[in-house]
Amino acid sequence: MDELSVSFKIKKPQYNYSEAFKRQVVLDFEQGFQNKDQLQLKYGIGGNATILRWCRKYGKFAYPKKSSIVIQMKDEQKARIKQLEKQLKEAELKIKIYDKLIEVTNRELDTDVIKKIEAKLSENWQQKEK
C-alpha cells in the first residue's frame, strides 16, 4: 500500500511588543553598537524587517524603503551594462577593421607593417632615453 504523508507547517507565535520596548531597540540600533541581527538575537525578535519597520516609525533618521533604492540601482546597473556592451561591440568592430587594414597593407606593400611600426617606436624610445 502507498503511504500517505502529511506535513504541517508550524507557525511561530506573533508577539506584541510595547512602544517603549520598540523605542529602546531603535535607540540601541541608532547608537550603532549593535547591528540588526545582533539586536534580534539579544531581544528574541523575529522577522527580518521588524526592526527596520520600527526604525522607520520611531527612529530619528530617514530609513528609505528598500524597494525604491534597489529598483533604481538595478535600472542604473542595467543601463550601464548596456552602455558598456555597446562600447565593447564598437571596439571589437574597430579591431576587426584595423586587422583587415593591416592585412591589406601588408599584402599591398609586401612587408610586415607591425614590425616596422614596432622598430620605429623602439628607436623613438631609445632616443628619448638619451
N, C-alpha and C. Protein backbone atom coordinates (compact mmCIF):
# COMPACT_ATOMS: atom_id res chain seq x y z
N MET A 1 0.83 -1.18 0.00
CA MET A 1 0.00 0.00 0.00
C MET A 1 0.87 1.24 0.00
N ASP A 2 0.35 2.26 -0.64
CA ASP A 2 1.06 3.54 -0.66
C ASP A 2 0.87 4.25 0.67
N GLU A 3 1.97 4.85 1.09
CA GLU A 3 1.89 5.62 2.34
C GLU A 3 1.45 7.03 2.04
N LEU A 4 0.65 7.55 2.90
CA LEU A 4 0.17 8.91 2.77
C LEU A 4 0.96 9.77 3.75
N SER A 5 1.62 10.78 3.23
CA SER A 5 2.37 11.66 4.13
C SER A 5 1.68 13.01 4.22
N VAL A 6 1.64 13.50 5.40
CA VAL A 6 1.01 14.78 5.68
C VAL A 6 2.03 15.63 6.42
N SER A 7 2.18 16.85 5.97
CA SER A 7 3.11 17.74 6.68
C SER A 7 2.34 18.96 7.18
N PHE A 8 2.75 19.41 8.31
CA PHE A 8 2.13 20.56 8.93
C PHE A 8 3.17 21.65 9.08
N LYS A 9 2.77 22.85 8.79
CA LYS A 9 3.67 23.98 8.96
C LYS A 9 3.36 24.61 10.31
N ILE A 10 4.39 24.66 11.12
CA ILE A 10 4.21 25.22 12.46
C ILE A 10 4.53 26.71 12.41
N LYS A 11 3.56 27.50 12.78
CA LYS A 11 3.76 28.95 12.79
C LYS A 11 4.34 29.36 14.13
N LYS A 12 5.28 30.29 14.03
CA LYS A 12 5.83 30.85 15.26
C LYS A 12 4.82 31.83 15.83
N PRO A 13 4.78 31.93 17.14
CA PRO A 13 3.81 32.86 17.73
C PRO A 13 4.19 34.30 17.40
N GLN A 14 3.18 35.12 17.23
CA GLN A 14 3.41 36.53 16.94
C GLN A 14 3.35 37.28 18.27
N TYR A 15 4.40 38.06 18.50
CA TYR A 15 4.49 38.79 19.75
C TYR A 15 4.08 40.24 19.55
N ASN A 16 3.45 40.80 20.57
CA ASN A 16 3.14 42.22 20.58
C ASN A 16 4.08 42.90 21.56
N TYR A 17 4.91 43.78 21.04
CA TYR A 17 5.88 44.47 21.88
C TYR A 17 5.35 45.85 22.23
N SER A 18 5.72 46.33 23.42
CA SER A 18 5.28 47.66 23.84
C SER A 18 6.03 48.72 23.05
N GLU A 19 5.45 49.90 23.00
CA GLU A 19 6.08 51.01 22.30
C GLU A 19 7.41 51.38 22.95
N ALA A 20 7.47 51.32 24.27
CA ALA A 20 8.71 51.64 24.98
C ALA A 20 9.82 50.64 24.59
N PHE A 21 9.47 49.38 24.49
CA PHE A 21 10.44 48.36 24.09
C PHE A 21 10.94 48.63 22.67
N LYS A 22 10.01 48.94 21.77
CA LYS A 22 10.39 49.22 20.39
C LYS A 22 11.32 50.42 20.31
N ARG A 23 11.00 51.45 21.08
CA ARG A 23 11.84 52.66 21.09
C ARG A 23 13.24 52.35 21.63
N GLN A 24 13.31 51.48 22.62
CA GLN A 24 14.61 51.10 23.19
C GLN A 24 15.45 50.34 22.16
N VAL A 25 14.83 49.45 21.42
CA VAL A 25 15.53 48.69 20.39
C VAL A 25 16.03 49.63 19.30
N VAL A 26 15.18 50.58 18.89
CA VAL A 26 15.56 51.55 17.87
C VAL A 26 16.72 52.41 18.36
N LEU A 27 16.66 52.83 19.62
CA LEU A 27 17.74 53.62 20.21
C LEU A 27 19.05 52.83 20.21
N ASP A 28 18.99 51.57 20.60
CA ASP A 28 20.18 50.71 20.57
C ASP A 28 20.74 50.60 19.15
N PHE A 29 19.86 50.45 18.19
CA PHE A 29 20.28 50.32 16.80
C PHE A 29 20.93 51.61 16.30
N GLU A 30 20.30 52.75 16.60
CA GLU A 30 20.80 54.03 16.11
C GLU A 30 22.10 54.45 16.78
N GLN A 31 22.37 53.93 17.96
CA GLN A 31 23.64 54.24 18.61
C GLN A 31 24.80 53.54 17.90
N GLY A 32 24.49 52.49 17.15
CA GLY A 32 25.47 51.86 16.30
C GLY A 32 26.36 50.83 16.96
N PHE A 33 26.11 50.48 18.20
CA PHE A 33 26.95 49.48 18.86
C PHE A 33 26.60 48.06 18.44
N GLN A 34 25.35 47.87 18.00
CA GLN A 34 24.91 46.55 17.57
C GLN A 34 24.13 46.68 16.27
N ASN A 35 24.28 45.68 15.41
CA ASN A 35 23.52 45.71 14.16
C ASN A 35 22.17 45.02 14.35
N LYS A 36 21.40 45.01 13.29
CA LYS A 36 20.03 44.47 13.36
C LYS A 36 20.02 43.01 13.79
N ASP A 37 20.91 42.21 13.23
CA ASP A 37 20.94 40.78 13.56
C ASP A 37 21.31 40.55 15.02
N GLN A 38 22.24 41.32 15.52
CA GLN A 38 22.64 41.18 16.93
C GLN A 38 21.49 41.57 17.86
N LEU A 39 20.75 42.61 17.50
CA LEU A 39 19.60 43.02 18.32
C LEU A 39 18.49 41.97 18.28
N GLN A 40 18.30 41.35 17.12
CA GLN A 40 17.28 40.30 17.02
C GLN A 40 17.62 39.15 17.96
N LEU A 41 18.87 38.77 18.00
CA LEU A 41 19.28 37.69 18.91
C LEU A 41 19.17 38.12 20.37
N LYS A 42 19.63 39.32 20.66
CA LYS A 42 19.63 39.82 22.04
C LYS A 42 18.22 39.87 22.63
N TYR A 43 17.27 40.39 21.85
CA TYR A 43 15.91 40.57 22.36
C TYR A 43 14.94 39.49 21.91
N GLY A 44 15.39 38.54 21.08
CA GLY A 44 14.50 37.48 20.61
C GLY A 44 13.42 37.98 19.68
N ILE A 45 13.77 38.90 18.82
CA ILE A 45 12.81 39.48 17.89
C ILE A 45 12.84 38.69 16.60
N GLY A 46 11.69 38.29 16.12
CA GLY A 46 11.60 37.54 14.87
C GLY A 46 11.31 38.47 13.71
N GLY A 47 11.47 37.94 12.52
CA GLY A 47 11.17 38.73 11.31
C GLY A 47 12.37 39.54 10.88
N ASN A 48 12.67 39.49 9.61
CA ASN A 48 13.84 40.20 9.10
C ASN A 48 13.64 41.70 9.00
N ALA A 49 12.41 42.16 8.87
CA ALA A 49 12.16 43.58 8.65
C ALA A 49 11.56 44.27 9.87
N THR A 50 11.40 43.56 10.96
CA THR A 50 10.72 44.12 12.13
C THR A 50 11.44 45.35 12.67
N ILE A 51 12.73 45.22 12.92
CA ILE A 51 13.48 46.33 13.49
C ILE A 51 13.54 47.50 12.53
N LEU A 52 13.70 47.24 11.24
CA LEU A 52 13.72 48.31 10.25
C LEU A 52 12.38 49.04 10.22
N ARG A 53 11.29 48.30 10.35
CA ARG A 53 9.96 48.91 10.38
C ARG A 53 9.83 49.81 11.60
N TRP A 54 10.35 49.36 12.75
CA TRP A 54 10.32 50.17 13.96
C TRP A 54 11.19 51.41 13.79
N CYS A 55 12.32 51.27 13.13
CA CYS A 55 13.22 52.41 12.90
C CYS A 55 12.53 53.47 12.04
N ARG A 56 11.79 53.03 11.03
CA ARG A 56 11.06 53.99 10.20
C ARG A 56 10.01 54.74 11.00
N LYS A 57 9.41 54.04 11.96
CA LYS A 57 8.33 54.64 12.73
C LYS A 57 8.84 55.48 13.91
N TYR A 58 9.85 54.97 14.64
CA TYR A 58 10.27 55.63 15.87
C TYR A 58 11.67 56.27 15.78
N GLY A 59 12.39 56.01 14.71
CA GLY A 59 13.77 56.45 14.63
C GLY A 59 13.94 57.93 14.31
N LYS A 60 15.14 58.42 14.58
CA LYS A 60 15.48 59.82 14.32
C LYS A 60 15.95 60.03 12.88
N PHE A 61 16.42 58.98 12.24
CA PHE A 61 16.99 59.08 10.91
C PHE A 61 15.98 58.67 9.85
N ALA A 62 16.30 59.01 8.61
CA ALA A 62 15.44 58.63 7.49
C ALA A 62 15.84 57.23 7.02
N TYR A 63 14.89 56.34 6.98
CA TYR A 63 15.12 54.97 6.53
C TYR A 63 14.27 54.76 5.28
N PRO A 64 14.89 54.95 4.09
CA PRO A 64 14.10 54.81 2.87
C PRO A 64 13.67 53.37 2.64
N LYS A 65 12.60 53.25 1.90
CA LYS A 65 12.13 51.90 1.58
C LYS A 65 13.11 51.24 0.64
N LYS A 66 13.43 50.01 0.91
CA LYS A 66 14.44 49.27 0.18
C LYS A 66 14.10 49.13 -1.30
N SER A 67 12.86 48.88 -1.61
CA SER A 67 12.49 48.57 -2.98
C SER A 67 12.80 49.70 -3.94
N SER A 68 12.57 50.96 -3.54
CA SER A 68 12.81 52.06 -4.46
C SER A 68 14.30 52.21 -4.75
N ILE A 69 15.15 52.00 -3.77
CA ILE A 69 16.58 52.11 -3.97
C ILE A 69 17.08 50.96 -4.82
N VAL A 70 16.64 49.76 -4.52
CA VAL A 70 17.09 48.58 -5.26
C VAL A 70 16.66 48.68 -6.71
N ILE A 71 15.44 49.06 -6.98
CA ILE A 71 14.96 49.18 -8.35
C ILE A 71 15.76 50.22 -9.10
N GLN A 72 16.01 51.36 -8.46
CA GLN A 72 16.77 52.42 -9.10
C GLN A 72 18.19 51.95 -9.41
N MET A 73 18.83 51.26 -8.46
CA MET A 73 20.19 50.78 -8.68
C MET A 73 20.22 49.72 -9.78
N LYS A 74 19.23 48.84 -9.80
CA LYS A 74 19.18 47.82 -10.84
C LYS A 74 19.01 48.46 -12.21
N ASP A 75 18.15 49.49 -12.30
CA ASP A 75 17.95 50.18 -13.57
C ASP A 75 19.24 50.87 -14.01
N GLU A 76 19.94 51.52 -13.08
CA GLU A 76 21.20 52.18 -13.39
C GLU A 76 22.24 51.15 -13.83
N GLN A 77 22.28 50.02 -13.14
CA GLN A 77 23.24 48.98 -13.50
C GLN A 77 22.94 48.40 -14.88
N LYS A 78 21.66 48.18 -15.17
CA LYS A 78 21.28 47.65 -16.48
C LYS A 78 21.66 48.64 -17.58
N ALA A 79 21.40 49.92 -17.34
CA ALA A 79 21.75 50.94 -18.33
C ALA A 79 23.26 50.99 -18.54
N ARG A 80 24.02 50.91 -17.46
CA ARG A 80 25.49 50.92 -17.55
C ARG A 80 26.00 49.69 -18.29
N ILE A 81 25.40 48.53 -18.01
CA ILE A 81 25.80 47.30 -18.70
C ILE A 81 25.52 47.42 -20.19
N LYS A 82 24.35 47.96 -20.56
CA LYS A 82 24.04 48.13 -21.98
C LYS A 82 25.03 49.07 -22.65
N GLN A 83 25.37 50.15 -21.96
CA GLN A 83 26.33 51.12 -22.49
C GLN A 83 27.69 50.45 -22.71
N LEU A 84 28.14 49.68 -21.72
CA LEU A 84 29.44 49.00 -21.83
C LEU A 84 29.43 47.93 -22.93
N GLU A 85 28.31 47.22 -23.06
CA GLU A 85 28.20 46.22 -24.12
C GLU A 85 28.27 46.88 -25.50
N LYS A 86 27.64 48.05 -25.63
CA LYS A 86 27.68 48.78 -26.90
C LYS A 86 29.11 49.22 -27.19
N GLN A 87 29.80 49.75 -26.18
CA GLN A 87 31.18 50.18 -26.37
C GLN A 87 32.08 48.99 -26.73
N LEU A 88 31.83 47.85 -26.11
CA LEU A 88 32.62 46.65 -26.41
C LEU A 88 32.42 46.22 -27.86
N LYS A 89 31.18 46.22 -28.32
CA LYS A 89 30.91 45.84 -29.71
C LYS A 89 31.59 46.80 -30.68
N GLU A 90 31.54 48.10 -30.38
CA GLU A 90 32.20 49.08 -31.23
C GLU A 90 33.71 48.85 -31.25
N ALA A 91 34.29 48.58 -30.09
CA ALA A 91 35.74 48.33 -30.01
C ALA A 91 36.12 47.07 -30.77
N GLU A 92 35.31 46.03 -30.65
CA GLU A 92 35.59 44.78 -31.38
C GLU A 92 35.51 45.02 -32.89
N LEU A 93 34.55 45.82 -33.33
CA LEU A 93 34.41 46.14 -34.74
C LEU A 93 35.64 46.92 -35.23
N LYS A 94 36.09 47.89 -34.44
CA LYS A 94 37.29 48.65 -34.80
C LYS A 94 38.50 47.73 -34.93
N ILE A 95 38.64 46.80 -34.00
CA ILE A 95 39.77 45.87 -34.04
C ILE A 95 39.73 45.04 -35.32
N LYS A 96 38.53 44.56 -35.69
CA LYS A 96 38.40 43.79 -36.93
C LYS A 96 38.79 44.63 -38.14
N ILE A 97 38.34 45.89 -38.14
CA ILE A 97 38.66 46.78 -39.26
C ILE A 97 40.16 47.04 -39.32
N TYR A 98 40.79 47.32 -38.18
CA TYR A 98 42.23 47.56 -38.15
C TYR A 98 43.00 46.32 -38.58
N ASP A 99 42.58 45.16 -38.12
CA ASP A 99 43.25 43.92 -38.52
C ASP A 99 43.16 43.73 -40.05
N LYS A 100 41.98 44.00 -40.60
CA LYS A 100 41.80 43.85 -42.05
C LYS A 100 42.65 44.88 -42.79
N LEU A 101 42.70 46.09 -42.27
CA LEU A 101 43.51 47.15 -42.88
C LEU A 101 44.99 46.78 -42.87
N ILE A 102 45.46 46.24 -41.77
CA ILE A 102 46.86 45.81 -41.67
C ILE A 102 47.12 44.66 -42.64
N GLU A 103 46.20 43.74 -42.72
CA GLU A 103 46.35 42.60 -43.63
C GLU A 103 46.46 43.07 -45.08
N VAL A 104 45.58 43.99 -45.48
CA VAL A 104 45.61 44.52 -46.85
C VAL A 104 46.89 45.30 -47.10
N THR A 105 47.29 46.12 -46.14
CA THR A 105 48.52 46.91 -46.28
C THR A 105 49.73 46.00 -46.41
N ASN A 106 49.82 44.97 -45.59
CA ASN A 106 50.92 44.02 -45.68
C ASN A 106 50.96 43.36 -47.06
N ARG A 107 49.80 43.01 -47.58
CA ARG A 107 49.74 42.34 -48.88
C ARG A 107 50.15 43.30 -50.00
N GLU A 108 49.66 44.55 -49.93
CA GLU A 108 49.96 45.53 -50.98
C GLU A 108 51.43 45.95 -50.96
N LEU A 109 52.00 46.11 -49.75
CA LEU A 109 53.39 46.56 -49.65
C LEU A 109 54.38 45.39 -49.58
N ASP A 110 53.86 44.21 -49.48
CA ASP A 110 54.68 43.01 -49.37
C ASP A 110 55.68 43.13 -48.22
N THR A 111 55.18 43.55 -47.07
CA THR A 111 56.02 43.72 -45.88
C THR A 111 55.15 43.56 -44.64
N ASP A 112 55.80 43.52 -43.48
CA ASP A 112 55.07 43.43 -42.22
C ASP A 112 55.04 44.81 -41.56
N VAL A 113 53.91 45.49 -41.66
CA VAL A 113 53.77 46.86 -41.17
C VAL A 113 53.95 46.92 -39.65
N ILE A 114 53.44 45.95 -38.94
CA ILE A 114 53.52 45.95 -37.48
C ILE A 114 54.98 45.93 -37.03
N LYS A 115 55.82 45.13 -37.67
CA LYS A 115 57.23 45.07 -37.29
C LYS A 115 57.91 46.41 -37.55
N LYS A 116 57.56 47.06 -38.67
CA LYS A 116 58.14 48.37 -38.97
C LYS A 116 57.73 49.41 -37.92
N ILE A 117 56.49 49.37 -37.53
CA ILE A 117 55.99 50.31 -36.51
C ILE A 117 56.68 50.06 -35.18
N GLU A 118 56.82 48.79 -34.81
CA GLU A 118 57.50 48.45 -33.56
C GLU A 118 58.95 48.91 -33.58
N ALA A 119 59.61 48.76 -34.71
CA ALA A 119 61.00 49.20 -34.84
C ALA A 119 61.11 50.71 -34.67
N LYS A 120 60.20 51.46 -35.30
CA LYS A 120 60.20 52.92 -35.17
C LYS A 120 59.95 53.34 -33.72
N LEU A 121 59.00 52.71 -33.08
CA LEU A 121 58.71 53.03 -31.67
C LEU A 121 59.91 52.75 -30.79
N SER A 122 60.58 51.65 -31.05
CA SER A 122 61.77 51.29 -30.28
C SER A 122 62.86 52.33 -30.46
N GLU A 123 63.07 52.80 -31.71
CA GLU A 123 64.06 53.86 -31.96
C GLU A 123 63.70 55.14 -31.22
N ASN A 124 62.42 55.51 -31.26
CA ASN A 124 61.98 56.74 -30.57
C ASN A 124 62.22 56.64 -29.07
N TRP A 125 61.95 55.50 -28.46
CA TRP A 125 62.16 55.32 -27.04
C TRP A 125 63.63 55.42 -26.69
N GLN A 126 64.46 54.85 -27.55
CA GLN A 126 65.90 54.89 -27.30
C GLN A 126 66.42 56.31 -27.39
N GLN A 127 65.89 57.10 -28.31
CA GLN A 127 66.32 58.49 -28.46
C GLN A 127 65.86 59.32 -27.27
N LYS A 128 64.68 59.06 -26.73
CA LYS A 128 64.16 59.81 -25.58
C LYS A 128 64.95 59.51 -24.32
N GLU A 129 65.45 58.29 -24.20
CA GLU A 129 66.21 57.89 -23.01
C GLU A 129 67.58 58.56 -22.96
N LYS A 130 68.12 58.96 -24.10
CA LYS A 130 69.45 59.58 -24.16
C LYS A 130 69.43 60.99 -23.73
